[in-house]
């Protein structure tokens, strides 16, 4: 098993166990955890049984979705961060002792602003930085599928086998958001991967071949109650 080492860059990390880096699987959002695996009738609250006798899976049954939620590790906010909006512009107030963690920054010219977010934005100054084995890099991204968070972190890739010092990570805050991002909120998801060279190829099919491929896929995977992909193809990914 490969090892990722998170190097501390703030003395307050020494006494803070709760907000240290953690496997992404340990901070799955509550709405995902509570979601039903099969369709539920909105009126009765009972599981729906369809005419074919099957229970139809929801997104909760999709291993591909789970894999991305649980991929890699997360960095979490080390303190409470209060955001206010005045005259159409966002402002921030960070707890004493953590002022250098979240800082306003000037607009990134020519960089598009995510829809529904302020053009004025901020950056995280991470208090941890990963070190990876030779030949490995890391994807830094907004926590996967966390559309419920009131900010959007900008993504990037760093060759963390060659450096383990934190950079500044820009993020945008949602318009209209006034409130507190609490300590322990995931703000970055870090996914290690092996650097390899790739070459693209394209394979075309006739209409008959496409239809046959569709039929084969449907007959294999669209069985009552689902679960074929997880049982026959899926491999568990481990991040400890």
Protein backbone atom coordinates (compact mmCIF):
# COMPACT_ATOMS: atom_id res chain seq x y z
CA UNK A 1 0.00 0.00 0.00
CA UNK A 2 1.31 3.46 -0.93
CA UNK A 3 1.68 6.09 1.78
CA UNK A 4 0.73 9.76 1.82
CA UNK A 5 2.26 11.92 4.55
CA UNK A 6 0.64 15.19 5.55
CA UNK A 7 3.22 17.73 6.69
CA UNK A 8 2.09 20.31 9.25
CA UNK A 9 2.69 23.99 8.50
CA UNK A 10 0.99 25.58 11.53
CA UNK A 11 1.76 25.14 15.22
CA UNK A 12 -1.96 25.04 16.04
CA UNK A 13 -2.11 21.66 14.30
CA UNK A 14 -0.20 20.18 17.23
CA UNK A 15 -3.18 20.44 19.57
CA UNK A 16 -6.03 19.99 17.08
CA UNK A 17 -6.95 16.36 16.50
CA UNK A 18 -10.45 16.94 15.13
CA UNK A 19 -9.50 18.97 12.08
CA UNK A 20 -6.47 17.07 10.86
CA UNK A 21 -6.50 15.61 7.29
CA UNK A 22 -8.74 12.58 7.00
CA UNK A 23 -9.87 9.99 4.45
CA UNK A 24 -12.68 11.45 2.36
CA UNK A 25 -14.86 8.48 3.29
CA UNK A 26 -14.95 9.74 6.88
CA UNK A 27 -16.71 13.00 5.99
CA UNK A 28 -19.45 11.86 3.62
CA UNK A 29 -22.20 14.51 3.58
CA UNK A 30 -25.24 13.83 5.74
CA UNK A 31 -27.65 14.07 2.79
CA UNK A 32 -25.75 11.26 1.05
CA UNK A 33 -25.54 9.06 4.14
CA UNK A 34 -29.28 9.40 4.78
CA UNK A 35 -30.35 8.88 1.16
CA UNK A 36 -32.39 5.78 0.32
CA UNK A 37 -30.85 3.05 -1.82
CA UNK A 38 -34.16 2.38 -3.62
CA UNK A 39 -37.02 4.59 -4.78
CA UNK A 40 -39.39 5.72 -2.02
CA UNK A 41 -42.99 6.81 -2.59
CA UNK A 42 -43.23 10.49 -1.63
CA UNK A 43 -46.77 10.08 -0.26
CA UNK A 44 -46.55 6.81 1.66
CA UNK A 45 -42.86 6.80 2.55
CA UNK A 46 -42.75 3.14 1.56
CA UNK A 47 -40.34 1.50 -0.87
CA UNK A 48 -41.72 1.43 -4.40
CA UNK A 49 -42.18 -1.97 -6.05
CA UNK A 50 -42.56 -1.56 -9.81
CA UNK A 51 -44.74 -3.68 -12.16
CA UNK A 52 -41.72 -5.79 -13.09
CA UNK A 53 -41.38 -6.72 -9.41
CA UNK A 54 -38.14 -4.82 -9.03
CA UNK A 55 -36.96 -2.21 -6.57
CA UNK A 56 -35.39 0.54 -8.67
CA UNK A 57 -32.02 1.77 -7.30
CA UNK A 58 -31.36 5.46 -6.68
CA UNK A 59 -28.04 7.32 -6.93
CA UNK A 60 -27.18 5.88 -3.50
CA UNK A 61 -26.71 2.45 -5.11
CA UNK A 62 -24.15 3.71 -7.65
CA UNK A 63 -20.59 2.54 -6.85
CA UNK A 64 -19.13 5.10 -9.27
CA UNK A 65 -20.66 7.94 -7.27
CA UNK A 66 -19.51 6.45 -3.98
CA UNK A 67 -15.98 5.99 -5.31
CA UNK A 68 -15.65 9.68 -6.12
CA UNK A 69 -17.13 10.82 -2.81
CA UNK A 70 -14.67 8.58 -0.97
CA UNK A 71 -11.61 9.17 -3.17
CA UNK A 72 -8.46 10.35 -1.44
CA UNK A 73 -8.35 12.67 1.54
CA UNK A 74 -9.81 15.96 2.70
CA UNK A 75 -8.45 19.05 4.38
CA UNK A 76 -10.85 20.62 6.87
CA UNK A 77 -11.23 24.18 8.10
CA UNK A 78 -9.32 24.59 11.39
CA UNK A 79 -11.66 27.28 12.76
CA UNK A 80 -15.02 29.00 12.33
CA UNK A 81 -15.07 31.48 9.45
CA UNK A 82 -17.76 34.16 9.28
CA UNK A 83 -18.83 35.63 5.94
CA UNK A 84 -20.89 38.76 5.50
CA UNK A 85 -22.19 40.57 2.45
CA UNK A 86 -22.22 44.37 2.31
CA UNK A 87 -23.10 46.54 -0.67
CA UNK A 88 -22.92 43.50 -2.92
CA UNK A 89 -19.41 42.49 -1.83
CA UNK A 90 -18.39 39.60 0.45
CA UNK A 91 -16.27 40.02 3.56
CA UNK A 92 -14.67 37.55 5.94
CA UNK A 93 -13.78 37.39 9.63
CA UNK A 94 -11.64 34.53 10.93
CA UNK A 95 -11.09 33.50 14.54
CA UNK A 96 -8.13 35.01 16.36
CA UNK A 97 -5.02 32.95 15.72
CA UNK A 98 -6.22 31.75 12.31
CA UNK A 99 -6.31 35.03 10.38
CA UNK A 100 -3.80 33.79 7.81
CA UNK A 101 -5.93 30.77 6.88
CA UNK A 102 -8.63 32.56 4.85
CA UNK A 103 -7.70 35.81 3.11
CA UNK A 104 -9.41 38.07 0.52
CA UNK A 105 -7.55 38.29 -2.78
CA UNK A 106 -7.74 40.41 -5.89
CA UNK A 107 -9.77 39.24 -8.86
CA UNK A 108 -8.10 36.71 -11.16
CA UNK A 109 -8.39 38.54 -14.46
CA UNK A 110 -9.66 36.40 -17.36
CA UNK A 111 -10.59 33.56 -14.97
CA UNK A 112 -14.35 32.93 -15.14
CA UNK A 113 -16.43 33.35 -11.99
CA UNK A 114 -18.67 30.33 -11.20
CA UNK A 115 -22.32 31.16 -11.79
CA UNK A 116 -24.03 32.38 -8.64
CA UNK A 117 -20.77 33.33 -6.91
CA UNK A 118 -19.07 36.64 -6.20
CA UNK A 119 -16.30 37.81 -8.50
CA UNK A 120 -14.50 39.09 -5.40
CA UNK A 121 -13.00 36.00 -3.89
CA UNK A 122 -10.60 34.54 -1.35
CA UNK A 123 -7.93 31.93 -0.89
CA UNK A 124 -7.36 29.14 1.54
CA UNK A 125 -3.87 28.99 2.99
CA UNK A 126 -3.71 25.27 3.88
CA UNK A 127 -2.05 24.34 7.14
CA UNK A 128 -1.13 20.89 5.77
CA UNK A 129 0.64 19.71 2.63
CA UNK A 130 0.93 16.12 1.37
CA UNK A 131 4.09 14.27 0.47
CA UNK A 132 3.80 11.40 -2.02
CA UNK A 133 6.01 8.56 -3.29
CA UNK A 134 8.16 9.10 -6.38
CA UNK A 135 6.14 9.31 -9.58
CA UNK A 136 2.90 10.41 -7.91
CA UNK A 137 0.95 13.66 -8.12
CA UNK A 138 -2.23 14.88 -6.44
CA UNK A 139 -5.46 16.37 -7.70
CA UNK A 140 -6.61 19.26 -5.51
CA UNK A 141 -10.30 19.97 -5.98
CA UNK A 142 -13.49 21.22 -4.38
CA UNK A 143 -14.94 18.39 -2.26
CA UNK A 144 -16.58 16.11 -4.82
CA UNK A 145 -20.31 16.67 -5.43
CA UNK A 146 -20.54 19.01 -2.43
CA UNK A 147 -22.87 21.49 -4.11
CA UNK A 148 -24.34 22.17 -0.66
CA UNK A 149 -21.23 24.06 0.46
CA UNK A 150 -21.43 27.87 0.20
CA UNK A 151 -18.14 28.14 -1.67
CA UNK A 152 -16.38 26.72 -4.72
CA UNK A 153 -12.69 25.81 -4.46
CA UNK A 154 -10.57 26.06 -7.62
CA UNK A 155 -8.95 22.78 -8.75
CA UNK A 156 -5.35 22.03 -9.68
CA UNK A 157 -2.65 19.33 -9.79
CA UNK A 158 0.63 19.37 -7.84
CA UNK A 159 3.56 16.97 -8.13
CA UNK A 160 3.74 16.28 -4.42
CA UNK A 161 6.50 13.72 -4.73
CA UNK A 162 8.82 16.70 -5.31
CA UNK A 163 7.43 19.23 -2.83
CA UNK A 164 5.29 19.25 0.31
CA UNK A 165 4.76 22.92 1.03
CA UNK A 166 1.25 24.37 0.81
CA UNK A 167 0.28 26.89 -1.82
CA UNK A 168 -2.59 29.36 -1.85
CA UNK A 169 -5.86 27.86 -3.10
CA UNK A 170 -8.44 30.31 -4.50
CA UNK A 171 -12.14 29.90 -3.81
CA UNK A 172 -15.36 31.76 -4.60
CA UNK A 173 -18.18 32.41 -2.14
CA UNK A 174 -21.86 32.10 -3.11
CA UNK A 175 -23.83 35.30 -3.56
CA UNK A 176 -26.21 35.96 -0.70
CA UNK A 177 -24.34 33.76 1.76
CA UNK A 178 -24.08 35.34 5.19
CA UNK A 179 -23.13 32.99 7.96
CA UNK A 180 -20.43 30.77 9.43
CA UNK A 181 -18.46 27.99 7.81
CA UNK A 182 -17.82 25.88 10.88
CA UNK A 183 -14.54 24.31 11.92
CA UNK A 184 -14.15 20.85 10.42
CA UNK A 185 -15.81 21.66 7.10
CA UNK A 186 -14.03 19.93 4.16
CA UNK A 187 -12.66 22.58 1.81
CA UNK A 188 -10.22 20.58 -0.33
CA UNK A 189 -10.23 16.99 -1.57
CA UNK A 190 -6.81 15.58 -2.42
CA UNK A 191 -6.62 12.53 -4.68
CA UNK A 192 -3.20 10.93 -5.35
CA UNK A 193 -2.53 9.38 -8.75
CA UNK A 194 0.41 7.88 -10.59
CA UNK A 195 1.90 9.98 -13.38
CA UNK A 196 1.83 8.02 -16.63
CA UNK A 197 1.93 8.91 -20.30
CA UNK A 198 -1.24 8.20 -22.26
CA UNK A 199 -2.11 8.05 -25.93
CA UNK A 200 -5.65 8.46 -27.20
CA UNK A 201 -7.31 6.08 -29.68
CA UNK A 202 -10.80 6.11 -31.20
CA UNK A 203 -12.90 3.12 -32.24
CA UNK A 204 -16.04 3.57 -34.37
CA UNK A 205 -19.00 1.19 -34.74
CA UNK A 206 -21.80 0.66 -37.22
CA UNK A 207 -25.40 1.35 -36.15
CA UNK A 208 -25.98 -2.40 -35.82
CA UNK A 209 -22.90 -2.81 -33.62
CA UNK A 210 -23.92 0.14 -31.46
CA UNK A 211 -27.38 -1.34 -30.97
CA UNK A 212 -25.90 -4.73 -30.09
CA UNK A 213 -23.53 -3.14 -27.58
CA UNK A 214 -26.48 -1.29 -26.06
CA UNK A 215 -28.52 -4.51 -25.83
CA UNK A 216 -25.64 -6.41 -24.27
CA UNK A 217 -25.11 -3.68 -21.68
CA UNK A 218 -28.81 -3.46 -20.87
CA UNK A 219 -29.19 -7.22 -20.49
CA UNK A 220 -26.11 -7.41 -18.28
CA UNK A 221 -26.56 -4.45 -15.97
CA UNK A 222 -30.26 -3.46 -15.99
CA UNK A 223 -31.42 -6.40 -13.93
CA UNK A 224 -34.13 -6.12 -11.26
CA UNK A 225 -32.81 -4.37 -8.15
CA UNK A 226 -29.49 -3.56 -9.89
CA UNK A 227 -26.15 -4.22 -8.19
CA UNK A 228 -24.50 -6.19 -11.03
CA UNK A 229 -21.66 -3.73 -11.55
CA UNK A 230 -20.80 -3.72 -7.85
CA UNK A 231 -20.94 -7.51 -7.59
CA UNK A 232 -19.02 -8.41 -10.75
CA UNK A 233 -16.78 -5.50 -11.80
CA UNK A 234 -16.23 -2.97 -9.03
CA UNK A 235 -12.96 -2.98 -7.07
CA UNK A 236 -12.87 -1.37 -3.63
CA UNK A 237 -10.46 1.55 -3.36
CA UNK A 238 -8.75 1.99 -0.01
CA UNK A 239 -7.62 5.29 1.52
CA UNK A 240 -6.60 4.98 5.18
